[in-house]
Amino acid sequence: VQLVESGGGLVQPGGSLRLSCTTSGFTFIHYTMSWYRQAPGTGRDLVATITNADISTVYADSVKGRFTISRDNAKKTVYLQMNSLKPEDTAVYYCHASFDLGVLEYWGQGTQVTVSS
């Protein structure tokens, strides 16, 4: 099983980034996909989730209206479009796959996002 994040980097406040998580080794279409983030000295927090069935989405209050999660089942990839970035969005962003409410779950290795002028 592999979840490989990409698209992180350094961006100025107000800028945008698009994270991608390309997966292999499991049946992507059956999994709920999420993005989490972890800032230095803090726990890992849920940013956004997209389900496998009805493709409904859930967002943390701190990113609502700025971030958009989406998935391409044919490419087995989940995306996180991040707009109007703020310094407090600085964190390592992790891709997460969950089946049957966590009976099976997988994590990516993370990608660093730094928002700074």
C-alpha atoms as a PDB file:
ATOM      1  CA  VAL A   1       0.000   0.000   0.000  1.00  0.00           C
ATOM      2  CA  GLN A   2       1.274   3.445  -0.911  1.00  0.00           C
ATOM      3  CA  LEU A   3      -0.090   6.939  -0.434  1.00  0.00           C
ATOM      4  CA  VAL A   4       2.235   9.541  -1.915  1.00  0.00           C
ATOM      5  CA  GLU A   5       1.554  13.212  -1.277  1.00  0.00           C
ATOM      6  CA  SER A   6       2.917  15.982  -3.467  1.00  0.00           C
ATOM      7  CA  GLY A   7       2.369  19.678  -4.099  1.00  0.00           C
ATOM      8  CA  GLY A   8       3.537  21.132  -0.825  1.00  0.00           C
ATOM      9  CA  GLY A   9       5.958  24.020  -0.566  1.00  0.00           C
ATOM     10  CA  LEU A  10       6.471  27.613   0.477  1.00  0.00           C
ATOM     11  CA  VAL A  11       3.774  30.140  -0.414  1.00  0.00           C
ATOM     12  CA  GLN A  12       3.019  33.696   0.601  1.00  0.00           C
ATOM     13  CA  PRO A  13      -0.081  34.556   2.629  1.00  0.00           C
ATOM     14  CA  GLY A  14      -3.092  34.783   0.344  1.00  0.00           C
ATOM     15  CA  GLY A  15      -1.587  32.330  -2.116  1.00  0.00           C
ATOM     16  CA  SER A  16      -2.747  28.923  -3.271  1.00  0.00           C
ATOM     17  CA  LEU A  17      -1.446  25.369  -3.398  1.00  0.00           C
ATOM     18  CA  ARG A  18      -2.905  22.121  -4.677  1.00  0.00           C
ATOM     19  CA  LEU A  19      -1.935  18.961  -2.859  1.00  0.00           C
ATOM     20  CA  SER A  20      -2.241  15.564  -4.509  1.00  0.00           C
ATOM     21  CA  CYS A  21      -2.217  12.099  -2.984  1.00  0.00           C
ATOM     22  CA  THR A  22      -1.666   9.281  -5.438  1.00  0.00           C
ATOM     23  CA  THR A  23      -2.468   5.835  -4.092  1.00  0.00           C
ATOM     24  CA  SER A  24      -1.849   2.197  -4.911  1.00  0.00           C
ATOM     25  CA  GLY A  25      -2.215  -1.203  -3.328  1.00  0.00           C
ATOM     26  CA  PHE A  26      -5.812  -0.980  -2.172  1.00  0.00           C
ATOM     27  CA  THR A  27      -9.264  -0.547  -3.715  1.00  0.00           C
ATOM     28  CA  PHE A  28      -9.397   3.233  -3.740  1.00  0.00           C
ATOM     29  CA  ILE A  29     -13.052   3.513  -4.685  1.00  0.00           C
ATOM     30  CA  HIS A  30     -14.086   1.747  -1.469  1.00  0.00           C
ATOM     31  CA  TYR A  31     -12.246   4.130   0.840  1.00  0.00           C
ATOM     32  CA  THR A  32     -13.117   7.426   2.445  1.00  0.00           C
ATOM     33  CA  MET A  33     -10.215   9.791   1.878  1.00  0.00           C
ATOM     34  CA  SER A  34      -9.095  12.593   4.130  1.00  0.00           C
ATOM     35  CA  TRP A  35      -6.428  15.207   4.613  1.00  0.00           C
ATOM     36  CA  TYR A  36      -5.002  15.845   8.066  1.00  0.00           C
ATOM     37  CA  ARG A  37      -2.378  18.330   9.163  1.00  0.00           C
ATOM     38  CA  GLN A  38       0.059  18.610  12.010  1.00  0.00           C
ATOM     39  CA  ALA A  39       1.790  21.797  13.030  1.00  0.00           C
ATOM     40  CA  PRO A  40       4.938  21.692  15.210  1.00  0.00           C
ATOM     41  CA  GLY A  41       4.121  20.839  18.806  1.00  0.00           C
ATOM     42  CA  THR A  42       0.491  19.990  18.096  1.00  0.00           C
ATOM     43  CA  GLY A  43      -1.596  16.923  17.346  1.00  0.00           C
ATOM     44  CA  ARG A  44      -2.742  15.736  13.936  1.00  0.00           C
ATOM     45  CA  ASP A  45      -6.030  17.433  13.025  1.00  0.00           C
ATOM     46  CA  LEU A  46      -8.607  16.600  10.390  1.00  0.00           C
ATOM     47  CA  VAL A  47      -8.729  19.150   7.574  1.00  0.00           C
ATOM     48  CA  ALA A  48     -11.183  17.636   5.098  1.00  0.00           C
ATOM     49  CA  THR A  49     -12.872  14.344   4.243  1.00  0.00           C
ATOM     50  CA  ILE A  50     -14.549  13.007   1.113  1.00  0.00           C
ATOM     51  CA  THR A  51     -16.579   9.827   1.244  1.00  0.00           C
ATOM     52  CA  ASN A  52     -16.446   6.997  -1.238  1.00  0.00           C
ATOM     53  CA  ALA A  53     -20.182   6.494  -1.648  1.00  0.00           C
ATOM     54  CA  ASP A  54     -22.045   9.758  -2.040  1.00  0.00           C
ATOM     55  CA  ILE A  55     -18.922  11.886  -2.382  1.00  0.00           C
ATOM     56  CA  SER A  56     -20.043  14.099   0.471  1.00  0.00           C
ATOM     57  CA  THR A  57     -17.435  16.333   2.049  1.00  0.00           C
ATOM     58  CA  VAL A  58     -16.658  17.607   5.526  1.00  0.00           C
ATOM     59  CA  TYR A  59     -14.297  20.440   6.409  1.00  0.00           C
ATOM     60  CA  ALA A  60     -12.715  21.781   9.547  1.00  0.00           C
ATOM     61  CA  ASP A  61     -14.208  25.151  10.453  1.00  0.00           C
ATOM     62  CA  SER A  62     -10.815  26.784  10.037  1.00  0.00           C
ATOM     63  CA  VAL A  63     -10.639  25.932   6.321  1.00  0.00           C
ATOM     64  CA  LYS A  64     -14.282  26.155   5.216  1.00  0.00           C
ATOM     65  CA  GLY A  65     -14.663  28.346   2.155  1.00  0.00           C
ATOM     66  CA  ARG A  66     -10.919  28.263   1.433  1.00  0.00           C
ATOM     67  CA  PHE A  67     -10.063  24.581   0.894  1.00  0.00           C
ATOM     68  CA  THR A  68     -11.706  22.065  -1.421  1.00  0.00           C
ATOM     69  CA  ILE A  69     -11.220  18.314  -1.320  1.00  0.00           C
ATOM     70  CA  SER A  70     -11.905  16.205  -4.395  1.00  0.00           C
ATOM     71  CA  ARG A  71     -11.140  12.753  -5.729  1.00  0.00           C
ATOM     72  CA  ASP A  72     -10.545  11.070  -9.063  1.00  0.00           C
ATOM     73  CA  ASN A  73     -11.389   7.410  -8.695  1.00  0.00           C
ATOM     74  CA  ALA A  74      -9.983   6.534 -12.105  1.00  0.00           C
ATOM     75  CA  LYS A  75      -6.616   7.978 -11.123  1.00  0.00           C
ATOM     76  CA  LYS A  76      -6.872   6.738  -7.506  1.00  0.00           C
ATOM     77  CA  THR A  77      -5.954  10.220  -6.391  1.00  0.00           C
ATOM     78  CA  VAL A  78      -7.330  12.676  -3.880  1.00  0.00           C
ATOM     79  CA  TYR A  79      -6.681  16.418  -4.041  1.00  0.00           C
ATOM     80  CA  LEU A  80      -6.761  19.359  -1.680  1.00  0.00           C
ATOM     81  CA  GLN A  81      -7.065  22.764  -3.295  1.00  0.00           C
ATOM     82  CA  MET A  82      -5.981  25.387  -0.779  1.00  0.00           C
ATOM     83  CA  ASN A  83      -6.754  29.033  -1.447  1.00  0.00           C
ATOM     84  CA  SER A  84      -6.336  32.216   0.601  1.00  0.00           C
ATOM     85  CA  LEU A  85      -3.636  30.530   2.627  1.00  0.00           C
ATOM     86  CA  LYS A  86      -2.755  31.908   6.038  1.00  0.00           C
ATOM     87  CA  PRO A  87       0.372  31.513   8.174  1.00  0.00           C
ATOM     88  CA  GLU A  88      -1.652  29.345  10.555  1.00  0.00           C
ATOM     89  CA  ASP A  89      -2.135  26.831   7.733  1.00  0.00           C
ATOM     90  CA  THR A  90       1.568  25.989   8.015  1.00  0.00           C
ATOM     91  CA  ALA A  91       1.865  22.293   8.823  1.00  0.00           C
ATOM     92  CA  VAL A  92       2.742  18.901   7.477  1.00  0.00           C
ATOM     93  CA  TYR A  93      -0.263  17.660   5.504  1.00  0.00           C
ATOM     94  CA  TYR A  94      -1.050  13.949   5.521  1.00  0.00           C
ATOM     95  CA  CYS A  95      -3.255  11.892   3.240  1.00  0.00           C
ATOM     96  CA  HIS A  96      -5.413   9.255   4.955  1.00  0.00           C
ATOM     97  CA  ALA A  97      -7.494   6.360   3.631  1.00  0.00           C
ATOM     98  CA  SER A  98     -10.178   4.710   5.748  1.00  0.00           C
ATOM     99  CA  PHE A  99     -12.374   1.661   5.099  1.00  0.00           C
ATOM    100  CA  ASP A 100     -15.371   0.674   7.188  1.00  0.00           C
ATOM    101  CA  LEU A 101     -14.946   3.471   9.746  1.00  0.00           C
ATOM    102  CA  GLY A 102     -11.295   2.744  10.352  1.00  0.00           C
ATOM    103  CA  VAL A 103     -11.248  -1.044  10.320  1.00  0.00           C
ATOM    104  CA  LEU A 104      -8.567  -0.570   7.702  1.00  0.00           C
ATOM    105  CA  GLU A 105      -6.645   2.670   7.398  1.00  0.00           C
ATOM    106  CA  TYR A 106      -3.496   3.934   5.723  1.00  0.00           C
ATOM    107  CA  TRP A 107      -1.387   7.085   5.954  1.00  0.00           C
ATOM    108  CA  GLY A 108       0.899   8.899   3.585  1.00  0.00           C
ATOM    109  CA  GLN A 109       4.304  10.205   4.584  1.00  0.00           C
ATOM    110  CA  GLY A 110       3.240  13.851   4.615  1.00  0.00           C
ATOM    111  CA  THR A 111       4.117  16.971   2.665  1.00  0.00           C
ATOM    112  CA  GLN A 112       5.227  20.264   4.189  1.00  0.00           C
ATOM    113  CA  VAL A 113       3.189  23.403   3.562  1.00  0.00           C
ATOM    114  CA  THR A 114       4.704  26.668   4.764  1.00  0.00           C
ATOM    115  CA  VAL A 115       2.820  29.949   4.490  1.00  0.00           C
ATOM    116  CA  SER A 116       5.131  32.870   5.078  1.00  0.00           C
ATOM    117  CA  SER A 117       6.128  36.190   3.602  1.00  0.00           C
END
